[in-house]
């Protein structure tokens, strides 16, 4: 029989251990940080972890961000998915990896197509994401090409 302390430790480990789903297939892209995949006969809506892409209404950046995600993971492509948690809408929050092992979430930041979502960064490689964002800013890529874009988490509060 497990002690209360051991039970608590196991609960923490299980809650923080990401789950890897192999061979999910992309069904559709909703925007720059949301897509639907098919995995083992079920359909999942995924929210990309640790990033926040411009909203569709944030022209032209929302459309550009979605187009970047489509280029990285076209409909029909296979992915590995590391689920971290569920969000308040029931979506699985995950890091995505191409069949070649490329971190798709990180690539979106590297291309200047998404912001690092600092508030939710603890389960991702903080150093890699922050450095990718600094590089995109220095190179004035995507969302960093002009000054003044409203961060998506602020934009959503104004809608």
Protein backbone atom coordinates (compact mmCIF):
# COMPACT_ATOMS: atom_id res chain seq x y z
CA UNK A 1 0.00 0.00 0.00
CA UNK A 2 1.38 3.42 -1.01
CA UNK A 3 2.02 6.01 1.65
CA UNK A 4 0.29 9.41 1.35
CA UNK A 5 3.62 11.04 0.45
CA UNK A 6 4.35 8.46 -2.26
CA UNK A 7 0.84 8.85 -3.64
CA UNK A 8 1.30 12.62 -3.79
CA UNK A 9 4.67 12.29 -5.52
CA UNK A 10 3.22 9.88 -8.08
CA UNK A 11 0.32 12.25 -8.74
CA UNK A 12 2.74 15.11 -9.41
CA UNK A 13 4.91 12.98 -11.70
CA UNK A 14 1.91 11.75 -13.68
CA UNK A 15 0.45 15.25 -13.96
CA UNK A 16 3.69 16.71 -15.29
CA UNK A 17 4.86 13.86 -17.51
CA UNK A 18 3.99 14.56 -21.15
CA UNK A 19 2.24 11.85 -23.13
CA UNK A 20 3.63 11.06 -26.58
CA UNK A 21 1.21 10.03 -29.30
CA UNK A 22 2.94 8.61 -32.35
CA UNK A 23 1.78 8.98 -35.95
CA UNK A 24 -0.99 11.52 -35.64
CA UNK A 25 -2.12 12.76 -39.06
CA UNK A 26 -3.01 16.43 -39.69
CA UNK A 27 -6.66 16.87 -40.69
CA UNK A 28 -6.97 20.67 -40.70
CA UNK A 29 -5.31 23.87 -39.51
CA UNK A 30 -7.52 26.33 -37.64
CA UNK A 31 -5.03 29.13 -37.12
CA UNK A 32 -1.36 29.61 -36.25
CA UNK A 33 -1.57 27.65 -33.01
CA UNK A 34 -4.54 25.28 -33.39
CA UNK A 35 -5.07 22.22 -35.56
CA UNK A 36 -7.00 18.96 -35.72
CA UNK A 37 -5.36 15.57 -36.03
CA UNK A 38 -6.44 11.97 -36.35
CA UNK A 39 -4.82 9.51 -33.98
CA UNK A 40 -5.80 5.85 -33.55
CA UNK A 41 -9.23 6.43 -35.06
CA UNK A 42 -10.10 9.49 -33.01
CA UNK A 43 -10.01 13.19 -33.85
CA UNK A 44 -8.19 15.55 -31.50
CA UNK A 45 -8.03 19.33 -31.45
CA UNK A 46 -4.55 20.46 -30.48
CA UNK A 47 -3.40 23.81 -29.17
CA UNK A 48 0.33 24.38 -29.65
CA UNK A 49 2.05 24.61 -26.27
CA UNK A 50 4.28 27.47 -25.15
CA UNK A 51 3.39 29.80 -28.03
CA UNK A 52 0.59 32.19 -28.91
CA UNK A 53 0.00 33.07 -32.55
CA UNK A 54 -1.78 36.19 -33.76
CA UNK A 55 -5.55 35.86 -33.95
CA UNK A 56 -7.20 35.58 -37.37
CA UNK A 57 -8.65 39.08 -36.89
CA UNK A 58 -5.13 40.50 -36.43
CA UNK A 59 -4.58 41.19 -40.12
CA UNK A 60 -2.29 40.45 -41.81
CA UNK A 61 -0.41 38.51 -39.12
CA UNK A 62 -3.13 35.99 -38.25
CA UNK A 63 -3.39 34.76 -41.85
CA UNK A 64 0.40 34.70 -42.23
CA UNK A 65 0.79 32.68 -39.05
CA UNK A 66 -1.78 30.12 -40.20
CA UNK A 67 -0.07 29.89 -43.61
CA UNK A 68 3.28 29.26 -41.89
CA UNK A 69 1.78 26.41 -39.85
CA UNK A 70 0.24 24.94 -43.03
CA UNK A 71 3.68 24.99 -44.68
CA UNK A 72 5.28 23.30 -41.66
CA UNK A 73 2.58 20.62 -41.24
CA UNK A 74 0.45 20.31 -44.39
CA UNK A 75 -2.88 18.50 -44.20
CA UNK A 76 -2.16 14.78 -44.41
CA UNK A 77 1.30 14.96 -42.90
CA UNK A 78 2.28 12.82 -39.94
CA UNK A 79 3.39 14.20 -36.60
CA UNK A 80 4.54 13.09 -33.21
CA UNK A 81 2.59 14.86 -30.51
CA UNK A 82 3.74 15.42 -26.94
CA UNK A 83 0.61 16.31 -24.97
CA UNK A 84 1.29 18.43 -21.90
CA UNK A 85 -2.18 19.17 -20.57
CA UNK A 86 -5.75 20.07 -21.55
CA UNK A 87 -6.94 23.65 -21.76
CA UNK A 88 -10.23 25.10 -20.54
CA UNK A 89 -11.82 24.38 -23.94
CA UNK A 90 -10.93 20.67 -23.78
CA UNK A 91 -8.15 20.92 -26.36
CA UNK A 92 -4.95 18.96 -25.84
CA UNK A 93 -2.05 21.38 -25.40
CA UNK A 94 1.00 19.88 -27.06
CA UNK A 95 4.36 20.24 -28.67
CA UNK A 96 4.38 18.93 -32.23
CA UNK A 97 7.28 17.27 -34.01
CA UNK A 98 7.55 16.62 -37.74
CA UNK A 99 8.42 13.17 -39.02
CA UNK A 100 12.02 14.45 -39.24
CA UNK A 101 11.95 15.45 -35.55
CA UNK A 102 11.61 19.23 -36.02
CA UNK A 103 9.84 21.01 -33.16
CA UNK A 104 6.98 22.77 -34.95
CA UNK A 105 6.08 25.06 -32.04
CA UNK A 106 9.66 26.29 -31.83
CA UNK A 107 9.81 26.71 -35.62
CA UNK A 108 6.78 29.03 -35.48
CA UNK A 109 8.66 31.26 -33.03
CA UNK A 110 11.89 31.05 -35.06
CA UNK A 111 10.03 32.24 -38.16
CA UNK A 112 8.44 35.14 -36.30
CA UNK A 113 4.97 33.66 -36.72
CA UNK A 114 4.15 33.29 -33.01
CA UNK A 115 5.05 34.80 -29.67
CA UNK A 116 6.51 32.85 -26.80
CA UNK A 117 3.66 32.47 -24.31
CA UNK A 118 5.73 33.12 -21.19
CA UNK A 119 2.85 32.29 -18.87
CA UNK A 120 2.75 28.70 -20.16
CA UNK A 121 6.42 28.06 -20.89
CA UNK A 122 7.33 25.84 -17.95
CA UNK A 123 6.92 22.48 -19.76
CA UNK A 124 8.93 23.52 -22.83
CA UNK A 125 12.61 24.30 -23.32
CA UNK A 126 12.47 27.85 -21.97
CA UNK A 127 15.98 28.76 -23.11
CA UNK A 128 15.40 27.57 -26.70
CA UNK A 129 12.06 29.36 -27.04
CA UNK A 130 13.33 32.65 -25.61
CA UNK A 131 16.45 32.58 -27.78
CA UNK A 132 14.34 31.82 -30.87
CA UNK A 133 12.13 34.80 -30.11
CA UNK A 134 15.15 37.10 -29.59
CA UNK A 135 16.62 35.97 -32.92
CA UNK A 136 13.32 36.54 -34.78
CA UNK A 137 13.08 40.01 -33.23
CA UNK A 138 16.66 40.89 -34.22
CA UNK A 139 16.02 39.68 -37.77
CA UNK A 140 12.64 41.48 -37.87
CA UNK A 141 10.82 38.35 -39.05
CA UNK A 142 7.05 38.03 -39.30
CA UNK A 143 5.34 39.64 -36.33
CA UNK A 144 8.55 41.53 -35.59
CA UNK A 145 8.72 43.17 -39.06
CA UNK A 146 6.84 46.22 -37.77
CA UNK A 147 6.39 47.74 -34.38
CA UNK A 148 3.13 47.84 -32.53
CA UNK A 149 1.48 44.46 -32.97
CA UNK A 150 -0.77 43.73 -30.03
CA UNK A 151 0.06 40.48 -28.28
CA UNK A 152 -2.72 37.92 -28.94
CA UNK A 153 -3.47 37.42 -25.23
CA UNK A 154 -4.11 41.18 -24.95
CA UNK A 155 -6.02 41.32 -28.25
CA UNK A 156 -8.44 38.62 -27.03
CA UNK A 157 -9.35 40.69 -23.96
CA UNK A 158 -10.37 43.59 -26.24
CA UNK A 159 -12.72 41.57 -28.48
